[in-house]
Every structure is written in C-alpha cells, then in structure tokens.
C-alpha atoms as a PDB file:
ATOM      1  CA  UNK A   1       7.977 -14.181   4.775  1.00  0.00           C
ATOM      2  CA  UNK A   2       4.825 -12.169   5.206  1.00  0.00           C
ATOM      3  CA  UNK A   3       4.374  -9.161   7.454  1.00  0.00           C
ATOM      4  CA  UNK A   4       2.720 -11.219  10.206  1.00  0.00           C
ATOM      5  CA  UNK A   5       5.637 -13.640  10.212  1.00  0.00           C
ATOM      6  CA  UNK A   6       8.088 -10.737  10.385  1.00  0.00           C
ATOM      7  CA  UNK A   7       6.235  -9.282  13.361  1.00  0.00           C
ATOM      8  CA  UNK A   8       6.192 -12.660  15.128  1.00  0.00           C
ATOM      9  CA  UNK A   9       9.943 -13.136  14.563  1.00  0.00           C
ATOM     10  CA  UNK A  10      10.639  -9.568  15.705  1.00  0.00           C
ATOM     11  CA  UNK A  11       8.618 -10.145  18.887  1.00  0.00           C
ATOM     12  CA  UNK A  12      10.443 -13.406  19.563  1.00  0.00           C
ATOM     13  CA  UNK A  13      13.942 -11.994  19.048  1.00  0.00           C
ATOM     14  CA  UNK A  14      13.352  -8.829  21.056  1.00  0.00           C
ATOM     15  CA  UNK A  15      11.175 -10.486  23.707  1.00  0.00           C
ATOM     16  CA  UNK A  16       8.466  -7.879  23.045  1.00  0.00           C
ATOM     17  CA  UNK A  17       4.763  -8.520  23.058  1.00  0.00           C
ATOM     18  CA  UNK A  18       3.197  -9.121  19.660  1.00  0.00           C
ATOM     19  CA  UNK A  19       1.321  -5.823  19.959  1.00  0.00           C
ATOM     20  CA  UNK A  20       4.515  -3.868  20.684  1.00  0.00           C
ATOM     21  CA  UNK A  21       6.364  -5.610  17.851  1.00  0.00           C
ATOM     22  CA  UNK A  22       3.461  -4.876  15.496  1.00  0.00           C
ATOM     23  CA  UNK A  23       3.573  -1.199  16.474  1.00  0.00           C
ATOM     24  CA  UNK A  24       7.368  -1.059  15.989  1.00  0.00           C
ATOM     25  CA  UNK A  25       7.315  -2.694  12.546  1.00  0.00           C
ATOM     26  CA  UNK A  26       4.395  -0.542  11.402  1.00  0.00           C
ATOM     27  CA  UNK A  27       6.150   2.593  12.653  1.00  0.00           C
ATOM     28  CA  UNK A  28       9.303   1.800  10.657  1.00  0.00           C
ATOM     29  CA  UNK A  29       7.237   1.145   7.517  1.00  0.00           C
ATOM     30  CA  UNK A  30       5.232   4.356   8.059  1.00  0.00           C
ATOM     31  CA  UNK A  31       8.389   6.457   8.501  1.00  0.00           C
ATOM     32  CA  UNK A  32       9.961   5.075   5.325  1.00  0.00           C
ATOM     33  CA  UNK A  33       6.714   5.611   3.403  1.00  0.00           C
ATOM     34  CA  UNK A  34       6.312   9.201   4.633  1.00  0.00           C
ATOM     35  CA  UNK A  35       9.890  10.088   3.691  1.00  0.00           C
ATOM     36  CA  UNK A  36       9.519   8.574   0.224  1.00  0.00           C
ATOM     37  CA  UNK A  37       6.266  10.508  -0.298  1.00  0.00           C
ATOM     38  CA  UNK A  38       8.250  13.704   0.444  1.00  0.00           C
ATOM     39  CA  UNK A  39      10.833  12.680  -2.153  1.00  0.00           C
ATOM     40  CA  UNK A  40      13.551  11.877   0.376  1.00  0.00           C
ATOM     41  CA  UNK A  41      15.942   8.943   0.236  1.00  0.00           C
ATOM     42  CA  UNK A  42      16.106   6.546   3.179  1.00  0.00           C
ATOM     43  CA  UNK A  43      19.439   4.783   3.650  1.00  0.00           C
ATOM     44  CA  UNK A  44      19.976   2.033   6.198  1.00  0.00           C
ATOM     45  CA  UNK A  45      23.703   1.361   6.478  1.00  0.00           C
ATOM     46  CA  UNK A  46      24.521  -2.258   5.725  1.00  0.00           C
ATOM     47  CA  UNK A  47      21.013  -2.979   4.448  1.00  0.00           C
ATOM     48  CA  UNK A  48      20.171  -0.709   1.531  1.00  0.00           C
ATOM     49  CA  UNK A  49      18.636   2.490   0.238  1.00  0.00           C
ATOM     50  CA  UNK A  50      15.010   3.276  -0.500  1.00  0.00           C
ATOM     51  CA  UNK A  51      14.404   6.036  -3.043  1.00  0.00           C
ATOM     52  CA  UNK A  52      11.836   7.333  -5.520  1.00  0.00           C
ATOM     53  CA  UNK A  53      12.471   7.173  -9.250  1.00  0.00           C
ATOM     54  CA  UNK A  54      10.602   9.286 -11.783  1.00  0.00           C
ATOM     55  CA  UNK A  55       9.299   7.638 -14.936  1.00  0.00           C
ATOM     56  CA  UNK A  56       8.721   9.884 -17.923  1.00  0.00           C
ATOM     57  CA  UNK A  57       5.491   9.817 -19.900  1.00  0.00           C
ATOM     58  CA  UNK A  58       5.695   7.462 -22.843  1.00  0.00           C
ATOM     59  CA  UNK A  59       3.708   5.696 -25.512  1.00  0.00           C
ATOM     60  CA  UNK A  60       2.753   2.075 -25.182  1.00  0.00           C
ATOM     61  CA  UNK A  61       0.526  -0.448 -26.888  1.00  0.00           C
ATOM     62  CA  UNK A  62      -2.670  -2.052 -25.714  1.00  0.00           C
ATOM     63  CA  UNK A  63      -1.798  -5.764 -25.991  1.00  0.00           C
ATOM     64  CA  UNK A  64      -5.390  -6.731 -26.753  1.00  0.00           C
ATOM     65  CA  UNK A  65      -6.010  -4.283 -29.619  1.00  0.00           C
ATOM     66  CA  UNK A  66      -2.557  -3.077 -30.608  1.00  0.00           C
ATOM     67  CA  UNK A  67      -3.701   0.548 -30.292  1.00  0.00           C
ATOM     68  CA  UNK A  68      -1.119   3.141 -29.227  1.00  0.00           C
ATOM     69  CA  UNK A  69      -1.866   4.553 -25.774  1.00  0.00           C
ATOM     70  CA  UNK A  70      -0.329   7.287 -23.656  1.00  0.00           C
ATOM     71  CA  UNK A  71       1.223   6.165 -20.390  1.00  0.00           C
ATOM     72  CA  UNK A  72       1.342   9.010 -17.878  1.00  0.00           C
ATOM     73  CA  UNK A  73       4.483  10.049 -16.021  1.00  0.00           C
ATOM     74  CA  UNK A  74       4.741   8.474 -12.586  1.00  0.00           C
ATOM     75  CA  UNK A  75       6.936   7.952  -9.576  1.00  0.00           C
ATOM     76  CA  UNK A  76       7.933   4.514  -8.354  1.00  0.00           C
ATOM     77  CA  UNK A  77       9.684   3.353  -5.196  1.00  0.00           C
ATOM     78  CA  UNK A  78      13.088   1.726  -5.610  1.00  0.00           C
ATOM     79  CA  UNK A  79      15.318  -0.308  -3.324  1.00  0.00           C
ATOM     80  CA  UNK A  80      19.049  -0.769  -3.841  1.00  0.00           C
ATOM     81  CA  UNK A  81      20.636  -3.421  -1.652  1.00  0.00           C
ATOM     82  CA  UNK A  82      23.731  -2.453   0.319  1.00  0.00           C
ATOM     83  CA  UNK A  83      27.051  -4.283   0.120  1.00  0.00           C
ATOM     84  CA  UNK A  84      26.552  -6.097   3.426  1.00  0.00           C
ATOM     85  CA  UNK A  85      23.140  -7.431   2.370  1.00  0.00           C
ATOM     86  CA  UNK A  86      24.474  -8.483  -1.033  1.00  0.00           C
ATOM     87  CA  UNK A  87      27.372 -10.314   0.606  1.00  0.00           C
ATOM     88  CA  UNK A  88      25.000 -12.108   2.994  1.00  0.00           C
ATOM     89  CA  UNK A  89      22.776 -13.287   0.136  1.00  0.00           C
ATOM     90  CA  UNK A  90      25.680 -14.247  -2.148  1.00  0.00           C
ATOM     91  CA  UNK A  91      28.493 -15.531   0.067  1.00  0.00           C
ATOM     92  CA  UNK A  92      31.798 -15.995  -1.705  1.00  0.00           C
ATOM     93  CA  UNK A  93      32.744 -19.603  -2.210  1.00  0.00           C
ATOM     94  CA  UNK A  94      36.284 -20.679  -1.382  1.00  0.00           C
END
C-alpha cells in the first residue's frame, strides 16, 4: 500500500474528503517525524513504538576496491511492532 492508497482508504472509512484525509495523514506523519528528530519515542498502544537508534562510527570496506573506509556515526529510525499488531499479522492456529 502506498501513501495515496492509505489516504484514499482513510477517506473512505472516515467519510472525509480526500483533501481532509490527506491533511490528517500528513499531520500524523509530521508529528511522528518531529518527535523523532527531537530524540523522543512515539508509542501507539496496540500498534507499536517508533524510536531513534544511534549507530556508532565504524570501519567498512568499499566493495569495489576492497579499501577500508570510515563510516560516520549516525542515527536511524526504528519501529518495534506491538503485541496486538504482531498477533494480527501472525494469528495462532488451532
């Protein structure tokens, strides 16, 4: 599902206009992004948790030449699925 499809489904389920649904989805994404930029964690009960993980600087290899290169420290976004989402994706078989 792409963002446009998500917006269309959101508009259909909430009986909103496409423009209002687009604004709502974009607002949620913007809020999560802003909080992650600040270093906060965003938890949505039953869905999951968005957080930022720090990666230390390290040495790597250029695959084309084999030369050792320095890889700078960085931050990366992370998502951990909640128990309810995991259960929905992997229902227990009886």
